[in-house]
């Protein structure tokens, strides 16, 4: 049976402690955002450092070749499963059923993406997020609009004062990514494209796999509180075990030093 040095045991326990702390932070963020519209839960992914174990230890590293090297965070994966829909009956509350994202114009001219459809009309009649970012393509409601509604295909219908029939004012398009888990979160429930996510495929709702828009509804966070609590307890137990392993290793090293002394 292969032996393991005390210093390696300390290293393994330390890496496990840091990994479980990251997992607890991720789960805590999920629980904190359970009421955030369109929020997508994240999950910490771990990997065993087998490659490090197979490499010759660096100078000053007490680990022997072939000894376990612990674990590390490989990714904080975002899970983009569909959340439940909540009916609000507000004209500018929009939910996506499908894989699409709303497009948002950032102050620097770049495009961000969101599943949060709690939109508002600003002082200039533009459709914006609650943080004030303008929806792209831009939708501007005229001041003489008496009624508005949005179809499942994203067409914005407006009936102006003095008219009997509504007219199409604009169309809200959606973006889809081959690998949405590769999107980078930038806060405010917004994401930006990366090399891992791929370039967006923009299409009109109802076409392709971008999904369709539901007016007067919002998408809930896809967080299952009961599952998150189970995961949190599991991570806390693992964290406690790693803490105990560090203490035991430290006590044994102290005994060794006293015996040498």
C-alpha atoms as a PDB file:
ATOM      1  CA  UNK A   1       0.000   0.000   0.000  1.00  0.00           C
ATOM      2  CA  UNK A   2       1.410   3.392  -0.996  1.00  0.00           C
ATOM      3  CA  UNK A   3       2.307   5.769   1.824  1.00  0.00           C
ATOM      4  CA  UNK A   4       1.696   9.484   1.958  1.00  0.00           C
ATOM      5  CA  UNK A   5       3.751  12.118   3.721  1.00  0.00           C
ATOM      6  CA  UNK A   6       2.258  14.408   6.342  1.00  0.00           C
ATOM      7  CA  UNK A   7       3.133  17.459   4.268  1.00  0.00           C
ATOM      8  CA  UNK A   8       1.221  15.974   1.321  1.00  0.00           C
ATOM      9  CA  UNK A   9      -1.740  15.271   3.574  1.00  0.00           C
ATOM     10  CA  UNK A  10      -1.717  18.905   4.643  1.00  0.00           C
ATOM     11  CA  UNK A  11      -1.576  20.004   1.006  1.00  0.00           C
ATOM     12  CA  UNK A  12      -4.473  17.753   0.039  1.00  0.00           C
ATOM     13  CA  UNK A  13      -6.585  18.911   2.990  1.00  0.00           C
ATOM     14  CA  UNK A  14      -5.838  22.563   2.205  1.00  0.00           C
ATOM     15  CA  UNK A  15      -6.865  22.181  -1.459  1.00  0.00           C
ATOM     16  CA  UNK A  16     -10.043  20.409  -0.366  1.00  0.00           C
ATOM     17  CA  UNK A  17     -10.785  23.156   2.147  1.00  0.00           C
ATOM     18  CA  UNK A  18     -10.437  25.872  -0.504  1.00  0.00           C
ATOM     19  CA  UNK A  19     -12.560  23.898  -2.981  1.00  0.00           C
ATOM     20  CA  UNK A  20     -15.377  23.378  -0.495  1.00  0.00           C
ATOM     21  CA  UNK A  21     -15.280  27.050   0.516  1.00  0.00           C
ATOM     22  CA  UNK A  22     -15.738  27.975  -3.146  1.00  0.00           C
ATOM     23  CA  UNK A  23     -18.627  25.525  -3.387  1.00  0.00           C
ATOM     24  CA  UNK A  24     -20.282  27.008  -0.277  1.00  0.00           C
ATOM     25  CA  UNK A  25     -19.923  30.518  -1.737  1.00  0.00           C
ATOM     26  CA  UNK A  26     -21.532  29.377  -5.009  1.00  0.00           C
ATOM     27  CA  UNK A  27     -24.455  27.711  -3.231  1.00  0.00           C
ATOM     28  CA  UNK A  28     -24.925  30.752  -0.977  1.00  0.00           C
ATOM     29  CA  UNK A  29     -25.133  32.959  -4.070  1.00  0.00           C
ATOM     30  CA  UNK A  30     -27.818  30.690  -5.530  1.00  0.00           C
ATOM     31  CA  UNK A  31     -29.884  30.869  -2.348  1.00  0.00           C
ATOM     32  CA  UNK A  32     -29.470  34.658  -2.110  1.00  0.00           C
ATOM     33  CA  UNK A  33     -30.774  35.066  -5.688  1.00  0.00           C
ATOM     34  CA  UNK A  34     -33.733  32.701  -5.430  1.00  0.00           C
ATOM     35  CA  UNK A  35     -36.108  35.658  -5.983  1.00  0.00           C
ATOM     36  CA  UNK A  36     -34.019  37.318  -8.727  1.00  0.00           C
ATOM     37  CA  UNK A  37     -35.859  37.357 -12.055  1.00  0.00           C
ATOM     38  CA  UNK A  38     -34.204  35.175 -14.685  1.00  0.00           C
ATOM     39  CA  UNK A  39     -31.300  34.205 -12.412  1.00  0.00           C
ATOM     40  CA  UNK A  40     -29.425  31.042 -13.417  1.00  0.00           C
ATOM     41  CA  UNK A  41     -27.896  28.918 -10.704  1.00  0.00           C
ATOM     42  CA  UNK A  42     -24.193  28.119 -10.683  1.00  0.00           C
ATOM     43  CA  UNK A  43     -22.406  24.931  -9.670  1.00  0.00           C
ATOM     44  CA  UNK A  44     -18.782  24.510  -8.632  1.00  0.00           C
ATOM     45  CA  UNK A  45     -16.928  21.855 -10.637  1.00  0.00           C
ATOM     46  CA  UNK A  46     -13.872  20.112  -9.157  1.00  0.00           C
ATOM     47  CA  UNK A  47     -11.034  18.111 -10.616  1.00  0.00           C
ATOM     48  CA  UNK A  48      -8.360  15.937  -9.051  1.00  0.00           C
ATOM     49  CA  UNK A  49      -4.864  17.195  -9.781  1.00  0.00           C
ATOM     50  CA  UNK A  50      -3.700  13.942 -11.371  1.00  0.00           C
ATOM     51  CA  UNK A  51      -1.429  15.758 -13.788  1.00  0.00           C
ATOM     52  CA  UNK A  52       0.429  17.409 -10.910  1.00  0.00           C
ATOM     53  CA  UNK A  53       0.776  14.033  -9.206  1.00  0.00           C
ATOM     54  CA  UNK A  54       2.468  12.595 -12.292  1.00  0.00           C
ATOM     55  CA  UNK A  55       4.904  15.472 -12.677  1.00  0.00           C
ATOM     56  CA  UNK A  56       8.246  15.703 -10.954  1.00  0.00           C
ATOM     57  CA  UNK A  57       7.700  17.923  -7.867  1.00  0.00           C
ATOM     58  CA  UNK A  58       9.060  21.441  -8.141  1.00  0.00           C
ATOM     59  CA  UNK A  59      12.084  22.533  -6.149  1.00  0.00           C
ATOM     60  CA  UNK A  60      11.148  22.958  -2.493  1.00  0.00           C
ATOM     61  CA  UNK A  61       8.030  20.787  -2.848  1.00  0.00           C
ATOM     62  CA  UNK A  62       8.108  17.963  -0.295  1.00  0.00           C
ATOM     63  CA  UNK A  63       5.644  15.856  -2.280  1.00  0.00           C
ATOM     64  CA  UNK A  64       6.999  12.639  -3.747  1.00  0.00           C
ATOM     65  CA  UNK A  65       6.404  11.689  -7.360  1.00  0.00           C
ATOM     66  CA  UNK A  66       3.068   9.863  -7.674  1.00  0.00           C
ATOM     67  CA  UNK A  67       1.592  11.220  -4.467  1.00  0.00           C
ATOM     68  CA  UNK A  68      -1.861  12.740  -4.630  1.00  0.00           C
ATOM     69  CA  UNK A  69      -1.849  16.485  -5.270  1.00  0.00           C
ATOM     70  CA  UNK A  70      -5.339  17.354  -4.038  1.00  0.00           C
ATOM     71  CA  UNK A  71      -8.230  18.989  -5.864  1.00  0.00           C
ATOM     72  CA  UNK A  72      -8.881  22.302  -7.563  1.00  0.00           C
ATOM     73  CA  UNK A  73     -11.820  24.256  -8.951  1.00  0.00           C
ATOM     74  CA  UNK A  74     -12.121  23.533 -12.661  1.00  0.00           C
ATOM     75  CA  UNK A  75     -15.112  25.817 -13.305  1.00  0.00           C
ATOM     76  CA  UNK A  76     -18.046  27.630 -11.779  1.00  0.00           C
ATOM     77  CA  UNK A  77     -20.592  26.346 -14.252  1.00  0.00           C
ATOM     78  CA  UNK A  78     -23.756  28.317 -14.905  1.00  0.00           C
ATOM     79  CA  UNK A  79     -26.837  26.116 -15.403  1.00  0.00           C
ATOM     80  CA  UNK A  80     -29.178  27.654 -18.001  1.00  0.00           C
ATOM     81  CA  UNK A  81     -32.219  25.444 -17.491  1.00  0.00           C
ATOM     82  CA  UNK A  82     -35.667  26.994 -17.912  1.00  0.00           C
ATOM     83  CA  UNK A  83     -37.167  28.668 -14.847  1.00  0.00           C
ATOM     84  CA  UNK A  84     -40.864  28.674 -13.983  1.00  0.00           C
ATOM     85  CA  UNK A  85     -43.034  31.506 -15.325  1.00  0.00           C
ATOM     86  CA  UNK A  86     -44.829  33.974 -13.053  1.00  0.00           C
ATOM     87  CA  UNK A  87     -47.820  35.874 -14.420  1.00  0.00           C
ATOM     88  CA  UNK A  88     -47.637  39.600 -13.622  1.00  0.00           C
ATOM     89  CA  UNK A  89     -49.995  41.130 -16.240  1.00  0.00           C
ATOM     90  CA  UNK A  90     -47.604  44.083 -16.607  1.00  0.00           C
ATOM     91  CA  UNK A  91     -47.257  45.222 -20.230  1.00  0.00           C
ATOM     92  CA  UNK A  92     -43.454  45.295 -20.207  1.00  0.00           C
ATOM     93  CA  UNK A  93     -42.762  42.158 -18.215  1.00  0.00           C
ATOM     94  CA  UNK A  94     -41.480  39.631 -20.742  1.00  0.00           C
ATOM     95  CA  UNK A  95     -40.405  36.012 -20.302  1.00  0.00           C
ATOM     96  CA  UNK A  96     -38.551  33.750 -22.718  1.00  0.00           C
ATOM     97  CA  UNK A  97     -39.609  30.145 -23.192  1.00  0.00           C
ATOM     98  CA  UNK A  98     -36.630  28.612 -24.948  1.00  0.00           C
ATOM     99  CA  UNK A  99     -32.878  29.131 -25.201  1.00  0.00           C
ATOM    100  CA  UNK A 100     -32.798  32.787 -26.218  1.00  0.00           C
ATOM    101  CA  UNK A 101     -31.513  35.910 -24.459  1.00  0.00           C
ATOM    102  CA  UNK A 102     -32.629  39.516 -24.624  1.00  0.00           C
ATOM    103  CA  UNK A 103     -29.988  41.819 -26.088  1.00  0.00           C
ATOM    104  CA  UNK A 104     -28.911  44.857 -24.078  1.00  0.00           C
ATOM    105  CA  UNK A 105     -26.876  47.825 -25.313  1.00  0.00           C
ATOM    106  CA  UNK A 106     -24.128  48.758 -22.856  1.00  0.00           C
ATOM    107  CA  UNK A 107     -22.842  52.351 -22.395  1.00  0.00           C
ATOM    108  CA  UNK A 108     -19.604  51.501 -24.257  1.00  0.00           C
ATOM    109  CA  UNK A 109     -21.554  50.300 -27.305  1.00  0.00           C
ATOM    110  CA  UNK A 110     -21.049  46.577 -26.702  1.00  0.00           C
ATOM    111  CA  UNK A 111     -23.901  44.092 -26.372  1.00  0.00           C
ATOM    112  CA  UNK A 112     -24.756  42.138 -23.231  1.00  0.00           C
ATOM    113  CA  UNK A 113     -27.384  39.453 -22.795  1.00  0.00           C
ATOM    114  CA  UNK A 114     -29.982  38.691 -20.133  1.00  0.00           C
ATOM    115  CA  UNK A 115     -32.924  36.460 -19.291  1.00  0.00           C
ATOM    116  CA  UNK A 116     -34.377  39.137 -16.997  1.00  0.00           C
ATOM    117  CA  UNK A 117     -37.402  40.539 -18.796  1.00  0.00           C
ATOM    118  CA  UNK A 118     -38.558  43.034 -16.138  1.00  0.00           C
ATOM    119  CA  UNK A 119     -38.418  46.020 -18.489  1.00  0.00           C
ATOM    120  CA  UNK A 120     -39.449  49.645 -18.077  1.00  0.00           C
ATOM    121  CA  UNK A 121     -40.050  52.699 -20.259  1.00  0.00           C
ATOM    122  CA  UNK A 122     -37.651  55.592 -19.607  1.00  0.00           C
ATOM    123  CA  UNK A 123     -38.343  59.314 -19.967  1.00  0.00           C
ATOM    124  CA  UNK A 124     -37.647  59.172 -23.703  1.00  0.00           C
ATOM    125  CA  UNK A 125     -40.031  56.283 -24.299  1.00  0.00           C
ATOM    126  CA  UNK A 126     -37.256  53.699 -24.709  1.00  0.00           C
ATOM    127  CA  UNK A 127     -37.570  50.146 -23.450  1.00  0.00           C
ATOM    128  CA  UNK A 128     -34.845  49.533 -20.837  1.00  0.00           C
ATOM    129  CA  UNK A 129     -33.821  47.134 -18.097  1.00  0.00           C
ATOM    130  CA  UNK A 130     -34.456  48.110 -14.471  1.00  0.00           C
ATOM    131  CA  UNK A 131     -30.818  49.277 -14.390  1.00  0.00           C
ATOM    132  CA  UNK A 132     -31.462  51.681 -17.274  1.00  0.00           C
ATOM    133  CA  UNK A 133     -29.704  49.770 -20.073  1.00  0.00           C
ATOM    134  CA  UNK A 134     -31.418  50.091 -23.459  1.00  0.00           C
ATOM    135  CA  UNK A 135     -32.858  46.999 -25.135  1.00  0.00           C
ATOM    136  CA  UNK A 136     -31.422  46.192 -28.563  1.00  0.00           C
ATOM    137  CA  UNK A 137     -32.862  46.595 -31.166  1.00  0.00           C
ATOM    138  CA  UNK A 138     -34.128  49.826 -29.673  1.00  0.00           C
ATOM    139  CA  UNK A 139     -37.859  50.072 -28.977  1.00  0.00           C
ATOM    140  CA  UNK A 140     -39.248  53.603 -28.582  1.00  0.00           C
ATOM    141  CA  UNK A 141     -42.895  53.996 -27.587  1.00  0.00           C
ATOM    142  CA  UNK A 142     -44.452  57.158 -29.084  1.00  0.00           C
ATOM    143  CA  UNK A 143     -46.045  59.625 -26.645  1.00  0.00           C
ATOM    144  CA  UNK A 144     -49.446  59.271 -28.345  1.00  0.00           C
ATOM    145  CA  UNK A 145     -49.597  55.501 -27.808  1.00  0.00           C
ATOM    146  CA  UNK A 146     -52.867  54.508 -26.146  1.00  0.00           C
ATOM    147  CA  UNK A 147     -52.287  50.762 -25.908  1.00  0.00           C
ATOM    148  CA  UNK A 148     -49.375  48.396 -26.468  1.00  0.00           C
ATOM    149  CA  UNK A 149     -48.799  44.672 -26.418  1.00  0.00           C
ATOM    150  CA  UNK A 150     -46.104  42.234 -27.560  1.00  0.00           C
ATOM    151  CA  UNK A 151     -46.751  39.075 -29.540  1.00  0.00           C
ATOM    152  CA  UNK A 152     -44.953  35.767 -29.004  1.00  0.00           C
ATOM    153  CA  UNK A 153     -42.882  36.481 -32.144  1.00  0.00           C
ATOM    154  CA  UNK A 154     -41.474  39.629 -30.532  1.00  0.00           C
ATOM    155  CA  UNK A 155     -43.474  42.118 -32.579  1.00  0.00           C
ATOM    156  CA  UNK A 156     -44.339  45.238 -30.570  1.00  0.00           C
ATOM    157  CA  UNK A 157     -47.872  46.353 -31.389  1.00  0.00           C
ATOM    158  CA  UNK A 158     -48.951  49.959 -30.709  1.00  0.00           C
ATOM    159  CA  UNK A 159     -52.316  51.642 -31.168  1.00  0.00           C
ATOM    160  CA  UNK A 160     -51.922  55.401 -31.436  1.00  0.00           C
ATOM    161  CA  UNK A 161     -54.425  58.011 -30.421  1.00  0.00           C
ATOM    162  CA  UNK A 162     -57.155  58.385 -33.066  1.00  0.00           C
ATOM    163  CA  UNK A 163     -56.417  54.981 -34.655  1.00  0.00           C
ATOM    164  CA  UNK A 164     -58.573  51.880 -34.390  1.00  0.00           C
ATOM    165  CA  UNK A 165     -56.087  49.179 -35.374  1.00  0.00           C
ATOM    166  CA  UNK A 166     -52.670  48.575 -33.785  1.00  0.00           C
ATOM    167  CA  UNK A 167     -49.560  48.703 -35.938  1.00  0.00           C
ATOM    168  CA  UNK A 168     -46.200  46.928 -35.639  1.00  0.00           C
ATOM    169  CA  UNK A 169     -43.769  49.424 -34.117  1.00  0.00           C
ATOM    170  CA  UNK A 170     -40.670  47.205 -33.775  1.00  0.00           C
ATOM    171  CA  UNK A 171     -39.588  43.605 -33.290  1.00  0.00           C
ATOM    172  CA  UNK A 172     -37.615  42.329 -30.325  1.00  0.00           C
ATOM    173  CA  UNK A 173     -35.092  39.755 -31.501  1.00  0.00           C
ATOM    174  CA  UNK A 174     -33.396  37.162 -29.335  1.00  0.00           C
ATOM    175  CA  UNK A 175     -29.849  35.795 -29.279  1.00  0.00           C
ATOM    176  CA  UNK A 176     -28.886  32.165 -28.781  1.00  0.00           C
ATOM    177  CA  UNK A 177     -25.508  30.578 -27.965  1.00  0.00           C
ATOM    178  CA  UNK A 178     -24.231  27.095 -28.748  1.00  0.00           C
ATOM    179  CA  UNK A 179     -22.661  26.965 -25.276  1.00  0.00           C
ATOM    180  CA  UNK A 180     -24.435  29.387 -22.919  1.00  0.00           C
ATOM    181  CA  UNK A 181     -22.448  27.949 -19.982  1.00  0.00           C
ATOM    182  CA  UNK A 182     -19.449  29.735 -21.509  1.00  0.00           C
ATOM    183  CA  UNK A 183     -21.014  33.186 -21.059  1.00  0.00           C
ATOM    184  CA  UNK A 184     -19.313  35.522 -18.587  1.00  0.00           C
ATOM    185  CA  UNK A 185     -21.419  37.185 -15.888  1.00  0.00           C
ATOM    186  CA  UNK A 186     -20.799  40.944 -15.522  1.00  0.00           C
ATOM    187  CA  UNK A 187     -23.369  41.670 -12.813  1.00  0.00           C
ATOM    188  CA  UNK A 188     -26.879  43.170 -13.006  1.00  0.00           C
ATOM    189  CA  UNK A 189     -28.058  39.773 -14.329  1.00  0.00           C
ATOM    190  CA  UNK A 190     -26.128  40.415 -17.552  1.00  0.00           C
ATOM    191  CA  UNK A 191     -23.735  38.223 -19.517  1.00  0.00           C
ATOM    192  CA  UNK A 192     -21.240  38.819 -22.321  1.00  0.00           C
ATOM    193  CA  UNK A 193     -20.097  36.436 -25.016  1.00  0.00           C
ATOM    194  CA  UNK A 194     -16.720  34.716 -24.771  1.00  0.00           C
ATOM    195  CA  UNK A 195     -14.712  32.373 -26.933  1.00  0.00           C
ATOM    196  CA  UNK A 196     -16.174  29.490 -24.940  1.00  0.00           C
ATOM    197  CA  UNK A 197     -19.792  30.551 -25.542  1.00  0.00           C
ATOM    198  CA  UNK A 198     -19.315  31.212 -29.238  1.00  0.00           C
ATOM    199  CA  UNK A 199     -20.840  34.031 -31.229  1.00  0.00           C
ATOM    200  CA  UNK A 200     -24.572  34.739 -30.794  1.00  0.00           C
ATOM    201  CA  UNK A 201     -27.130  33.573 -33.309  1.00  0.00           C
ATOM    202  CA  UNK A 202     -29.753  36.324 -33.522  1.00  0.00           C
ATOM    203  CA  UNK A 203     -33.249  35.418 -34.701  1.00  0.00           C
ATOM    204  CA  UNK A 204     -36.850  36.485 -34.365  1.00  0.00           C
ATOM    205  CA  UNK A 205     -38.740  34.736 -31.539  1.00  0.00           C
ATOM    206  CA  UNK A 206     -40.613  31.697 -32.751  1.00  0.00           C
ATOM    207  CA  UNK A 207     -37.980  30.822 -35.329  1.00  0.00           C
ATOM    208  CA  UNK A 208     -35.205  28.301 -34.789  1.00  0.00           C
ATOM    209  CA  UNK A 209     -34.500  27.415 -31.160  1.00  0.00           C
ATOM    210  CA  UNK A 210     -34.349  30.900 -29.610  1.00  0.00           C
ATOM    211  CA  UNK A 211     -37.810  30.331 -28.178  1.00  0.00           C
ATOM    212  CA  UNK A 212     -40.768  32.670 -27.920  1.00  0.00           C
ATOM    213  CA  UNK A 213     -41.697  35.672 -25.795  1.00  0.00           C
ATOM    214  CA  UNK A 214     -44.514  35.577 -23.251  1.00  0.00           C
ATOM    215  CA  UNK A 215     -45.911  39.016 -22.432  1.00  0.00           C
ATOM    216  CA  UNK A 216     -47.135  39.870 -18.937  1.00  0.00           C
ATOM    217  CA  UNK A 217     -44.934  37.248 -17.277  1.00  0.00           C
ATOM    218  CA  UNK A 218     -41.461  36.848 -15.796  1.00  0.00           C
ATOM    219  CA  UNK A 219     -39.108  33.880 -15.578  1.00  0.00           C
ATOM    220  CA  UNK A 220     -38.279  32.825 -12.021  1.00  0.00           C
ATOM    221  CA  UNK A 221     -34.789  31.823 -10.926  1.00  0.00           C
ATOM    222  CA  UNK A 222     -34.073  28.157 -11.694  1.00  0.00           C
ATOM    223  CA  UNK A 223     -32.971  27.589  -8.080  1.00  0.00           C
ATOM    224  CA  UNK A 224     -34.442  24.631  -6.173  1.00  0.00           C
ATOM    225  CA  UNK A 225     -34.123  25.690  -2.528  1.00  0.00           C
ATOM    226  CA  UNK A 226     -34.426  22.148  -1.137  1.00  0.00           C
ATOM    227  CA  UNK A 227     -31.642  20.876  -3.423  1.00  0.00           C
ATOM    228  CA  UNK A 228     -29.429  23.859  -2.584  1.00  0.00           C
ATOM    229  CA  UNK A 229     -29.841  23.185   1.137  1.00  0.00           C
ATOM    230  CA  UNK A 230     -28.871  19.533   0.638  1.00  0.00           C
ATOM    231  CA  UNK A 231     -25.800  20.617  -1.359  1.00  0.00           C
ATOM    232  CA  UNK A 232     -24.916  23.203   1.284  1.00  0.00           C
ATOM    233  CA  UNK A 233     -25.022  20.633   4.095  1.00  0.00           C
ATOM    234  CA  UNK A 234     -22.865  18.274   2.049  1.00  0.00           C
ATOM    235  CA  UNK A 235     -20.297  21.001   1.336  1.00  0.00           C
ATOM    236  CA  UNK A 236     -20.233  22.082   4.979  1.00  0.00           C
ATOM    237  CA  UNK A 237     -19.604  18.503   6.127  1.00  0.00           C
ATOM    238  CA  UNK A 238     -16.773  18.128   3.624  1.00  0.00           C
ATOM    239  CA  UNK A 239     -15.350  21.472   4.792  1.00  0.00           C
ATOM    240  CA  UNK A 240     -15.482  20.254   8.398  1.00  0.00           C
ATOM    241  CA  UNK A 241     -13.679  17.027   7.470  1.00  0.00           C
ATOM    242  CA  UNK A 242     -10.933  18.961   5.685  1.00  0.00           C
ATOM    243  CA  UNK A 243     -10.547  21.212   8.733  1.00  0.00           C
ATOM    244  CA  UNK A 244     -10.202  18.154  10.960  1.00  0.00           C
ATOM    245  CA  UNK A 245      -7.649  16.602   8.574  1.00  0.00           C
ATOM    246  CA  UNK A 246      -5.540  19.762   8.727  1.00  0.00           C
ATOM    247  CA  UNK A 247      -5.664  19.783  12.528  1.00  0.00           C
ATOM    248  CA  UNK A 248      -4.720  16.101  12.801  1.00  0.00           C
ATOM    249  CA  UNK A 249      -1.857  16.556  10.332  1.00  0.00           C
ATOM    250  CA  UNK A 250      -0.611  19.602  12.206  1.00  0.00           C
ATOM    251  CA  UNK A 251      -0.749  17.737  15.539  1.00  0.00           C
ATOM    252  CA  UNK A 252       1.193  14.814  14.090  1.00  0.00           C
ATOM    253  CA  UNK A 253       3.845  17.123  12.641  1.00  0.00           C
ATOM    254  CA  UNK A 254       4.182  18.769  16.055  1.00  0.00           C
ATOM    255  CA  UNK A 255       4.684  15.369  17.681  1.00  0.00           C
ATOM    256  CA  UNK A 256       7.340  14.467  15.113  1.00  0.00           C
ATOM    257  CA  UNK A 257       9.183  17.723  15.749  1.00  0.00           C
ATOM    258  CA  UNK A 258       9.066  17.154  19.509  1.00  0.00           C
ATOM    259  CA  UNK A 259      10.435  13.608  19.095  1.00  0.00           C
ATOM    260  CA  UNK A 260      13.266  14.922  16.931  1.00  0.00           C
ATOM    261  CA  UNK A 261      13.988  17.587  19.505  1.00  0.00           C
END
